[in-house]
Amino acid sequence: MSVIYKTDLRVNISKLADKNHLTENSGKELYELTKIHKELNRKGVIDHIKKYFTYAVAQNKGKPIELAQTLRTIPDHLFNRHEKCAEWCRTGDSVRHSVKLCDPVLYDKLPVNFGKYAQNSQKFAVAVSSQYNGSTTT
C-alpha cells in the first residue's frame, strides 16, 4: 500500500456556481440599484430582468462563450436596443416588449452588473444546483 501526500496530487479544482445562489445574488444586486434608480421599482421590472438572466443561464448550459455574450446583451435589450440580440429576443412588429427602460445612468450601470457575470461565465455555464432534487433532475 502506498501513501499519497497532498503535495503529490496535481488536481485543478474549479469553483462552480450554484444556479439558485447565482439567481439570488443577481437579484439582490438589482434590488440594490432600486435605491438610486426608481425605474426599477415599477411593477414586475426586476422579476422580468431575473427571468432573462435565468433564461440565459438555462439556454447556454455548457456554453460559457455564448452565455457571456447573452448576458452582455441583456442591458441593451432592456433599453430597446436589439442590434446585438440573438434568437432569444423575438423582435419585430408583432412582439411587444413589456419592459423598456430609459434611464441613461442605469444604462451605464447594468452592463457593469451583467459584465461581472459574463466574465465568470465558465463557472455559470455548468449551472449546477446545490439542492439534491435540482441537481439530479437537470
N, C-alpha and C. Protein backbone atom coordinates (compact mmCIF):
# COMPACT_ATOMS: atom_id res chain seq x y z
N MET A 1 0.84 -1.17 0.00
CA MET A 1 0.00 0.00 0.00
C MET A 1 0.89 1.24 0.00
N SER A 2 0.62 2.17 -0.89
CA SER A 2 1.41 3.38 -0.95
C SER A 2 0.64 4.55 -0.36
N VAL A 3 1.37 5.48 0.15
CA VAL A 3 0.77 6.66 0.76
C VAL A 3 0.88 7.82 -0.23
N ILE A 4 -0.23 8.49 -0.42
CA ILE A 4 -0.24 9.64 -1.33
C ILE A 4 -0.35 10.90 -0.49
N TYR A 5 0.58 11.78 -0.68
CA TYR A 5 0.55 13.04 0.04
C TYR A 5 -0.15 14.10 -0.80
N LYS A 6 -0.72 15.09 -0.12
CA LYS A 6 -1.41 16.19 -0.81
C LYS A 6 -0.51 16.86 -1.84
N THR A 7 0.74 17.00 -1.53
CA THR A 7 1.65 17.67 -2.45
C THR A 7 1.89 16.87 -3.71
N ASP A 8 1.61 15.58 -3.68
CA ASP A 8 1.79 14.75 -4.85
C ASP A 8 0.62 14.88 -5.83
N LEU A 9 -0.50 15.36 -5.36
CA LEU A 9 -1.68 15.48 -6.21
C LEU A 9 -1.61 16.76 -7.04
N ARG A 10 -1.82 16.62 -8.31
CA ARG A 10 -1.85 17.78 -9.19
C ARG A 10 -3.24 17.87 -9.80
N VAL A 11 -4.12 18.40 -9.00
CA VAL A 11 -5.52 18.46 -9.39
C VAL A 11 -5.94 19.93 -9.45
N ASN A 12 -6.55 20.29 -10.54
CA ASN A 12 -7.11 21.64 -10.64
C ASN A 12 -8.54 21.60 -10.14
N ILE A 13 -8.81 22.44 -9.18
CA ILE A 13 -10.16 22.50 -8.62
C ILE A 13 -10.77 23.82 -9.03
N SER A 14 -11.93 23.73 -9.64
CA SER A 14 -12.65 24.93 -10.05
C SER A 14 -13.91 25.06 -9.22
N LYS A 15 -14.16 26.26 -8.77
CA LYS A 15 -15.37 26.51 -8.03
C LYS A 15 -16.49 26.77 -9.04
N LEU A 16 -17.57 26.03 -8.90
CA LEU A 16 -18.70 26.20 -9.79
C LEU A 16 -19.77 27.02 -9.08
N ALA A 17 -20.62 27.61 -9.87
CA ALA A 17 -21.68 28.44 -9.30
C ALA A 17 -22.98 27.66 -9.23
N ASP A 18 -23.62 27.73 -8.10
CA ASP A 18 -24.93 27.13 -7.91
C ASP A 18 -25.96 28.06 -8.57
N LYS A 19 -26.81 27.53 -9.43
CA LYS A 19 -27.72 28.40 -10.18
C LYS A 19 -28.74 29.09 -9.28
N ASN A 20 -29.11 28.48 -8.18
CA ASN A 20 -30.05 29.13 -7.26
C ASN A 20 -29.40 30.33 -6.57
N HIS A 21 -28.17 30.15 -6.11
CA HIS A 21 -27.45 31.26 -5.47
C HIS A 21 -27.12 32.34 -6.50
N LEU A 22 -26.80 31.93 -7.69
CA LEU A 22 -26.47 32.87 -8.75
C LEU A 22 -27.66 33.79 -9.05
N THR A 23 -28.83 33.21 -9.18
CA THR A 23 -30.03 33.99 -9.44
C THR A 23 -30.35 34.90 -8.26
N GLU A 24 -30.22 34.36 -7.06
CA GLU A 24 -30.50 35.14 -5.85
C GLU A 24 -29.55 36.32 -5.74
N ASN A 25 -28.26 36.10 -5.99
CA ASN A 25 -27.28 37.18 -5.88
C ASN A 25 -27.48 38.25 -6.94
N SER A 26 -27.79 37.84 -8.15
CA SER A 26 -28.02 38.84 -9.19
C SER A 26 -29.27 39.66 -8.87
N GLY A 27 -30.28 39.02 -8.32
CA GLY A 27 -31.49 39.73 -7.91
C GLY A 27 -31.22 40.73 -6.80
N LYS A 28 -30.40 40.35 -5.83
CA LYS A 28 -30.04 41.26 -4.74
C LYS A 28 -29.34 42.50 -5.28
N GLU A 29 -28.47 42.30 -6.26
CA GLU A 29 -27.76 43.43 -6.85
C GLU A 29 -28.73 44.36 -7.57
N LEU A 30 -29.72 43.79 -8.23
CA LEU A 30 -30.73 44.62 -8.90
C LEU A 30 -31.54 45.41 -7.88
N TYR A 31 -31.93 44.75 -6.78
CA TYR A 31 -32.69 45.45 -5.75
C TYR A 31 -31.88 46.57 -5.11
N GLU A 32 -30.55 46.40 -5.01
CA GLU A 32 -29.69 47.47 -4.52
C GLU A 32 -29.78 48.69 -5.44
N LEU A 33 -29.86 48.45 -6.73
CA LEU A 33 -29.94 49.55 -7.70
C LEU A 33 -31.25 50.32 -7.59
N THR A 34 -32.29 49.71 -7.02
CA THR A 34 -33.58 50.40 -6.90
C THR A 34 -33.51 51.60 -5.96
N LYS A 35 -32.52 51.60 -5.08
CA LYS A 35 -32.36 52.72 -4.16
C LYS A 35 -32.03 54.02 -4.90
N ILE A 36 -31.35 53.88 -6.02
CA ILE A 36 -30.92 55.03 -6.80
C ILE A 36 -31.75 55.19 -8.07
N HIS A 37 -32.13 54.07 -8.68
CA HIS A 37 -32.81 54.08 -9.97
C HIS A 37 -34.26 53.63 -9.79
N LYS A 38 -35.13 54.59 -9.64
CA LYS A 38 -36.55 54.33 -9.33
C LYS A 38 -37.26 53.60 -10.48
N GLU A 39 -36.71 53.68 -11.65
CA GLU A 39 -37.31 52.99 -12.81
C GLU A 39 -37.40 51.48 -12.57
N LEU A 40 -36.49 50.95 -11.78
CA LEU A 40 -36.50 49.53 -11.46
C LEU A 40 -37.60 49.15 -10.48
N ASN A 41 -38.20 50.15 -9.84
CA ASN A 41 -39.27 49.89 -8.87
C ASN A 41 -40.62 49.63 -9.52
N ARG A 42 -40.73 49.87 -10.82
CA ARG A 42 -42.00 49.61 -11.48
C ARG A 42 -42.35 48.13 -11.33
N LYS A 43 -43.62 47.88 -11.23
CA LYS A 43 -44.11 46.51 -11.01
C LYS A 43 -43.59 45.55 -12.09
N GLY A 44 -42.96 44.48 -11.62
CA GLY A 44 -42.53 43.40 -12.50
C GLY A 44 -41.20 43.59 -13.20
N VAL A 45 -40.56 44.75 -13.06
CA VAL A 45 -39.33 45.01 -13.81
C VAL A 45 -38.20 44.09 -13.36
N ILE A 46 -37.95 44.02 -12.07
CA ILE A 46 -36.84 43.18 -11.60
C ILE A 46 -37.12 41.71 -11.86
N ASP A 47 -38.34 41.27 -11.66
CA ASP A 47 -38.68 39.88 -11.98
C ASP A 47 -38.44 39.58 -13.45
N HIS A 48 -38.74 40.54 -14.29
CA HIS A 48 -38.54 40.37 -15.73
C HIS A 48 -37.04 40.25 -16.06
N ILE A 49 -36.24 41.09 -15.45
CA ILE A 49 -34.79 41.05 -15.66
C ILE A 49 -34.22 39.73 -15.15
N LYS A 50 -34.68 39.28 -13.98
CA LYS A 50 -34.24 38.00 -13.44
C LYS A 50 -34.63 36.85 -14.37
N LYS A 51 -35.80 36.97 -15.01
CA LYS A 51 -36.23 35.95 -15.96
C LYS A 51 -35.26 35.85 -17.12
N TYR A 52 -34.82 36.99 -17.65
CA TYR A 52 -33.83 36.98 -18.73
C TYR A 52 -32.53 36.34 -18.27
N PHE A 53 -32.13 36.67 -17.05
CA PHE A 53 -30.88 36.13 -16.51
C PHE A 53 -30.95 34.61 -16.40
N THR A 54 -32.01 34.11 -15.78
CA THR A 54 -32.13 32.65 -15.60
C THR A 54 -32.32 31.94 -16.93
N TYR A 55 -33.01 32.59 -17.86
CA TYR A 55 -33.18 32.01 -19.19
C TYR A 55 -31.83 31.90 -19.89
N ALA A 56 -31.01 32.94 -19.77
CA ALA A 56 -29.68 32.91 -20.39
C ALA A 56 -28.84 31.77 -19.83
N VAL A 57 -28.87 31.59 -18.52
CA VAL A 57 -28.09 30.51 -17.89
C VAL A 57 -28.62 29.15 -18.34
N ALA A 58 -29.94 28.99 -18.35
CA ALA A 58 -30.53 27.70 -18.73
C ALA A 58 -30.28 27.36 -20.20
N GLN A 59 -30.42 28.34 -21.08
CA GLN A 59 -30.28 28.08 -22.51
C GLN A 59 -28.83 27.91 -22.96
N ASN A 60 -27.90 28.36 -22.16
CA ASN A 60 -26.49 28.27 -22.54
C ASN A 60 -25.70 27.35 -21.62
N LYS A 61 -26.38 26.36 -21.11
CA LYS A 61 -25.74 25.38 -20.23
C LYS A 61 -24.62 24.67 -21.00
N GLY A 62 -23.43 24.71 -20.43
CA GLY A 62 -22.28 24.07 -21.07
C GLY A 62 -21.64 24.89 -22.17
N LYS A 63 -22.11 26.14 -22.37
CA LYS A 63 -21.59 27.01 -23.43
C LYS A 63 -21.20 28.37 -22.83
N PRO A 64 -20.04 28.43 -22.19
CA PRO A 64 -19.66 29.67 -21.49
C PRO A 64 -19.51 30.89 -22.40
N ILE A 65 -19.03 30.72 -23.61
CA ILE A 65 -18.86 31.86 -24.52
C ILE A 65 -20.21 32.43 -24.91
N GLU A 66 -21.15 31.56 -25.25
CA GLU A 66 -22.48 32.01 -25.62
C GLU A 66 -23.20 32.63 -24.43
N LEU A 67 -22.98 32.06 -23.24
CA LEU A 67 -23.59 32.62 -22.04
C LEU A 67 -23.07 34.03 -21.79
N ALA A 68 -21.78 34.23 -21.92
CA ALA A 68 -21.20 35.56 -21.72
C ALA A 68 -21.78 36.56 -22.72
N GLN A 69 -21.90 36.14 -23.98
CA GLN A 69 -22.46 37.04 -25.00
C GLN A 69 -23.91 37.38 -24.68
N THR A 70 -24.69 36.39 -24.29
CA THR A 70 -26.10 36.63 -23.97
C THR A 70 -26.25 37.55 -22.77
N LEU A 71 -25.47 37.32 -21.73
CA LEU A 71 -25.54 38.17 -20.54
C LEU A 71 -25.20 39.62 -20.87
N ARG A 72 -24.23 39.80 -21.76
CA ARG A 72 -23.85 41.17 -22.13
C ARG A 72 -24.91 41.88 -22.97
N THR A 73 -25.77 41.13 -23.63
CA THR A 73 -26.80 41.77 -24.46
C THR A 73 -28.05 42.16 -23.67
N ILE A 74 -28.23 41.61 -22.48
CA ILE A 74 -29.45 41.87 -21.72
C ILE A 74 -29.66 43.36 -21.43
N PRO A 75 -28.65 44.11 -20.97
CA PRO A 75 -28.90 45.54 -20.75
C PRO A 75 -29.38 46.27 -22.01
N ASP A 76 -28.74 46.03 -23.14
CA ASP A 76 -29.19 46.66 -24.39
C ASP A 76 -30.64 46.29 -24.69
N HIS A 77 -30.96 45.03 -24.53
CA HIS A 77 -32.31 44.54 -24.79
C HIS A 77 -33.33 45.29 -23.92
N LEU A 78 -33.00 45.48 -22.66
CA LEU A 78 -33.90 46.17 -21.74
C LEU A 78 -34.13 47.63 -22.12
N PHE A 79 -33.19 48.21 -22.84
CA PHE A 79 -33.30 49.59 -23.28
C PHE A 79 -33.74 49.68 -24.75
N ASN A 80 -34.34 48.62 -25.23
CA ASN A 80 -34.93 48.56 -26.58
C ASN A 80 -33.87 48.75 -27.68
N ARG A 81 -32.69 48.24 -27.42
CA ARG A 81 -31.60 48.26 -28.41
C ARG A 81 -31.31 46.81 -28.76
N HIS A 82 -31.82 46.37 -29.86
CA HIS A 82 -31.80 44.94 -30.18
C HIS A 82 -30.77 44.53 -31.23
N GLU A 83 -29.83 45.42 -31.56
CA GLU A 83 -28.84 45.09 -32.59
C GLU A 83 -27.98 43.89 -32.22
N LYS A 84 -27.71 43.70 -30.94
CA LYS A 84 -26.84 42.61 -30.51
C LYS A 84 -27.60 41.38 -30.02
N CYS A 85 -28.92 41.45 -30.00
CA CYS A 85 -29.72 40.33 -29.51
C CYS A 85 -29.63 39.13 -30.45
N ALA A 86 -29.73 37.97 -29.88
CA ALA A 86 -29.74 36.72 -30.66
C ALA A 86 -31.19 36.26 -30.82
N GLU A 87 -31.35 35.01 -31.19
CA GLU A 87 -32.71 34.50 -31.45
C GLU A 87 -33.60 34.46 -30.22
N TRP A 88 -33.01 34.52 -29.01
CA TRP A 88 -33.84 34.53 -27.81
C TRP A 88 -34.71 35.77 -27.74
N CYS A 89 -34.29 36.83 -28.41
CA CYS A 89 -35.07 38.06 -28.44
C CYS A 89 -35.88 38.06 -29.73
N ARG A 90 -37.16 37.93 -29.57
CA ARG A 90 -38.02 37.89 -30.74
C ARG A 90 -38.52 39.31 -31.04
N THR A 91 -37.65 40.10 -31.67
CA THR A 91 -38.05 41.44 -32.03
C THR A 91 -38.86 41.41 -33.30
N GLY A 92 -39.58 42.43 -33.52
CA GLY A 92 -40.40 42.52 -34.72
C GLY A 92 -41.64 43.33 -34.43
N ASP A 93 -42.40 43.59 -35.45
CA ASP A 93 -43.60 44.42 -35.30
C ASP A 93 -44.64 43.76 -34.40
N SER A 94 -44.72 42.44 -34.43
CA SER A 94 -45.76 41.76 -33.67
C SER A 94 -45.39 41.53 -32.21
N VAL A 95 -44.13 41.75 -31.84
CA VAL A 95 -43.68 41.49 -30.48
C VAL A 95 -43.66 42.81 -29.70
N ARG A 96 -44.32 42.79 -28.58
CA ARG A 96 -44.35 43.95 -27.70
C ARG A 96 -43.56 43.59 -26.44
N HIS A 97 -42.47 44.27 -26.23
CA HIS A 97 -41.66 44.01 -25.03
C HIS A 97 -42.28 44.73 -23.85
N SER A 98 -42.49 44.00 -22.77
CA SER A 98 -43.19 44.56 -21.62
C SER A 98 -42.33 45.46 -20.75
N VAL A 99 -41.01 45.34 -20.85
CA VAL A 99 -40.12 46.18 -20.06
C VAL A 99 -39.20 46.94 -21.01
N LYS A 100 -39.30 48.25 -20.95
CA LYS A 100 -38.40 49.12 -21.71
C LYS A 100 -37.91 50.19 -20.75
N LEU A 101 -36.62 50.16 -20.49
CA LEU A 101 -36.03 51.11 -19.57
C LEU A 101 -35.47 52.31 -20.36
N CYS A 102 -35.32 53.45 -19.69
CA CYS A 102 -34.82 54.63 -20.41
C CYS A 102 -33.84 55.49 -19.61
N ASP A 103 -33.57 55.20 -18.35
CA ASP A 103 -32.66 55.98 -17.52
C ASP A 103 -31.23 55.80 -18.03
N PRO A 104 -30.60 56.87 -18.56
CA PRO A 104 -29.24 56.73 -19.12
C PRO A 104 -28.17 56.35 -18.09
N VAL A 105 -28.35 56.76 -16.84
CA VAL A 105 -27.38 56.40 -15.80
C VAL A 105 -27.50 54.91 -15.49
N LEU A 106 -28.71 54.41 -15.45
CA LEU A 106 -28.94 52.98 -15.24
C LEU A 106 -28.38 52.18 -16.42
N TYR A 107 -28.51 52.74 -17.62
CA TYR A 107 -27.96 52.07 -18.81
C TYR A 107 -26.45 51.89 -18.67
N ASP A 108 -25.78 52.82 -18.02
CA ASP A 108 -24.34 52.70 -17.80
C ASP A 108 -23.99 51.70 -16.71
N LYS A 109 -24.89 51.51 -15.74
CA LYS A 109 -24.61 50.62 -14.61
C LYS A 109 -24.94 49.16 -14.90
N LEU A 110 -26.00 48.89 -15.63
CA LEU A 110 -26.39 47.49 -15.88
C LEU A 110 -25.32 46.68 -16.61
N PRO A 111 -24.64 47.24 -17.61
CA PRO A 111 -23.57 46.45 -18.25
C PRO A 111 -22.46 46.06 -17.28
N VAL A 112 -22.19 46.88 -16.30
CA VAL A 112 -21.19 46.53 -15.28
C VAL A 112 -21.69 45.34 -14.48
N ASN A 113 -22.96 45.40 -14.08
CA ASN A 113 -23.58 44.32 -13.32
C ASN A 113 -23.54 43.00 -14.10
N PHE A 114 -24.06 43.03 -15.32
CA PHE A 114 -24.11 41.80 -16.12
C PHE A 114 -22.73 41.40 -16.63
N GLY A 115 -21.85 42.38 -16.82
CA GLY A 115 -20.49 42.08 -17.27
C GLY A 115 -19.71 41.26 -16.27
N LYS A 116 -19.97 41.50 -15.00
CA LYS A 116 -19.30 40.72 -13.94
C LYS A 116 -19.66 39.24 -14.07
N TYR A 117 -20.92 38.97 -14.34
CA TYR A 117 -21.35 37.58 -14.51
C TYR A 117 -20.84 37.01 -15.84
N ALA A 118 -20.79 37.84 -16.85
CA ALA A 118 -20.28 37.38 -18.16
C ALA A 118 -18.81 36.99 -18.05
N GLN A 119 -18.03 37.74 -17.28
CA GLN A 119 -16.61 37.43 -17.11
C GLN A 119 -16.40 36.09 -16.41
N ASN A 120 -17.37 35.66 -15.63
CA ASN A 120 -17.27 34.40 -14.90
C ASN A 120 -18.18 33.32 -15.49
N SER A 121 -18.50 33.46 -16.76
CA SER A 121 -19.46 32.54 -17.38
C SER A 121 -19.01 31.09 -17.37
N GLN A 122 -17.71 30.84 -17.32
CA GLN A 122 -17.25 29.45 -17.28
C GLN A 122 -17.72 28.76 -16.01
N LYS A 123 -17.93 29.52 -14.94
CA LYS A 123 -18.45 28.95 -13.69
C LYS A 123 -19.95 28.77 -13.76
N PHE A 124 -20.62 29.66 -14.46
CA PHE A 124 -22.08 29.67 -14.51
C PHE A 124 -22.65 28.77 -15.59
N ALA A 125 -21.87 28.48 -16.61
CA ALA A 125 -22.37 27.67 -17.72
C ALA A 125 -22.68 26.24 -17.27
N VAL A 126 -22.07 25.80 -16.18
CA VAL A 126 -22.34 24.47 -15.67
C VAL A 126 -23.72 24.43 -15.03
N ALA A 127 -24.09 25.51 -14.36
CA ALA A 127 -25.42 25.70 -13.76
C ALA A 127 -25.87 24.51 -12.91
N VAL A 128 -25.03 24.14 -11.98
CA VAL A 128 -25.40 23.06 -11.06
C VAL A 128 -26.28 23.61 -9.96
N SER A 129 -26.96 22.73 -9.27
CA SER A 129 -27.81 23.13 -8.17
C SER A 129 -27.34 22.45 -6.91
N SER A 130 -27.31 23.20 -5.82
CA SER A 130 -26.91 22.62 -4.54
C SER A 130 -28.06 21.84 -3.91
N GLN A 131 -29.25 22.02 -4.43
CA GLN A 131 -30.37 21.25 -3.92
C GLN A 131 -30.35 19.88 -4.57
N TYR A 132 -30.54 18.86 -3.76
CA TYR A 132 -30.46 17.49 -4.26
C TYR A 132 -31.40 17.25 -5.42
N ASN A 133 -32.65 17.65 -5.29
CA ASN A 133 -33.63 17.43 -6.36
C ASN A 133 -33.24 18.16 -7.63
N GLY A 134 -32.77 19.39 -7.48
CA GLY A 134 -32.40 20.19 -8.65
C GLY A 134 -31.18 19.65 -9.37
N SER A 135 -30.23 19.10 -8.63
CA SER A 135 -29.01 18.63 -9.25
C SER A 135 -29.15 17.25 -9.88
N THR A 136 -30.14 16.48 -9.47
CA THR A 136 -30.29 15.14 -10.03
C THR A 136 -31.26 15.11 -11.19
N THR A 137 -32.06 16.15 -11.34
CA THR A 137 -33.07 16.12 -12.41
C THR A 137 -32.69 16.97 -13.61
N THR A 138 -31.56 17.69 -13.54
CA THR A 138 -31.17 18.54 -14.67
C THR A 138 -30.29 17.82 -15.64
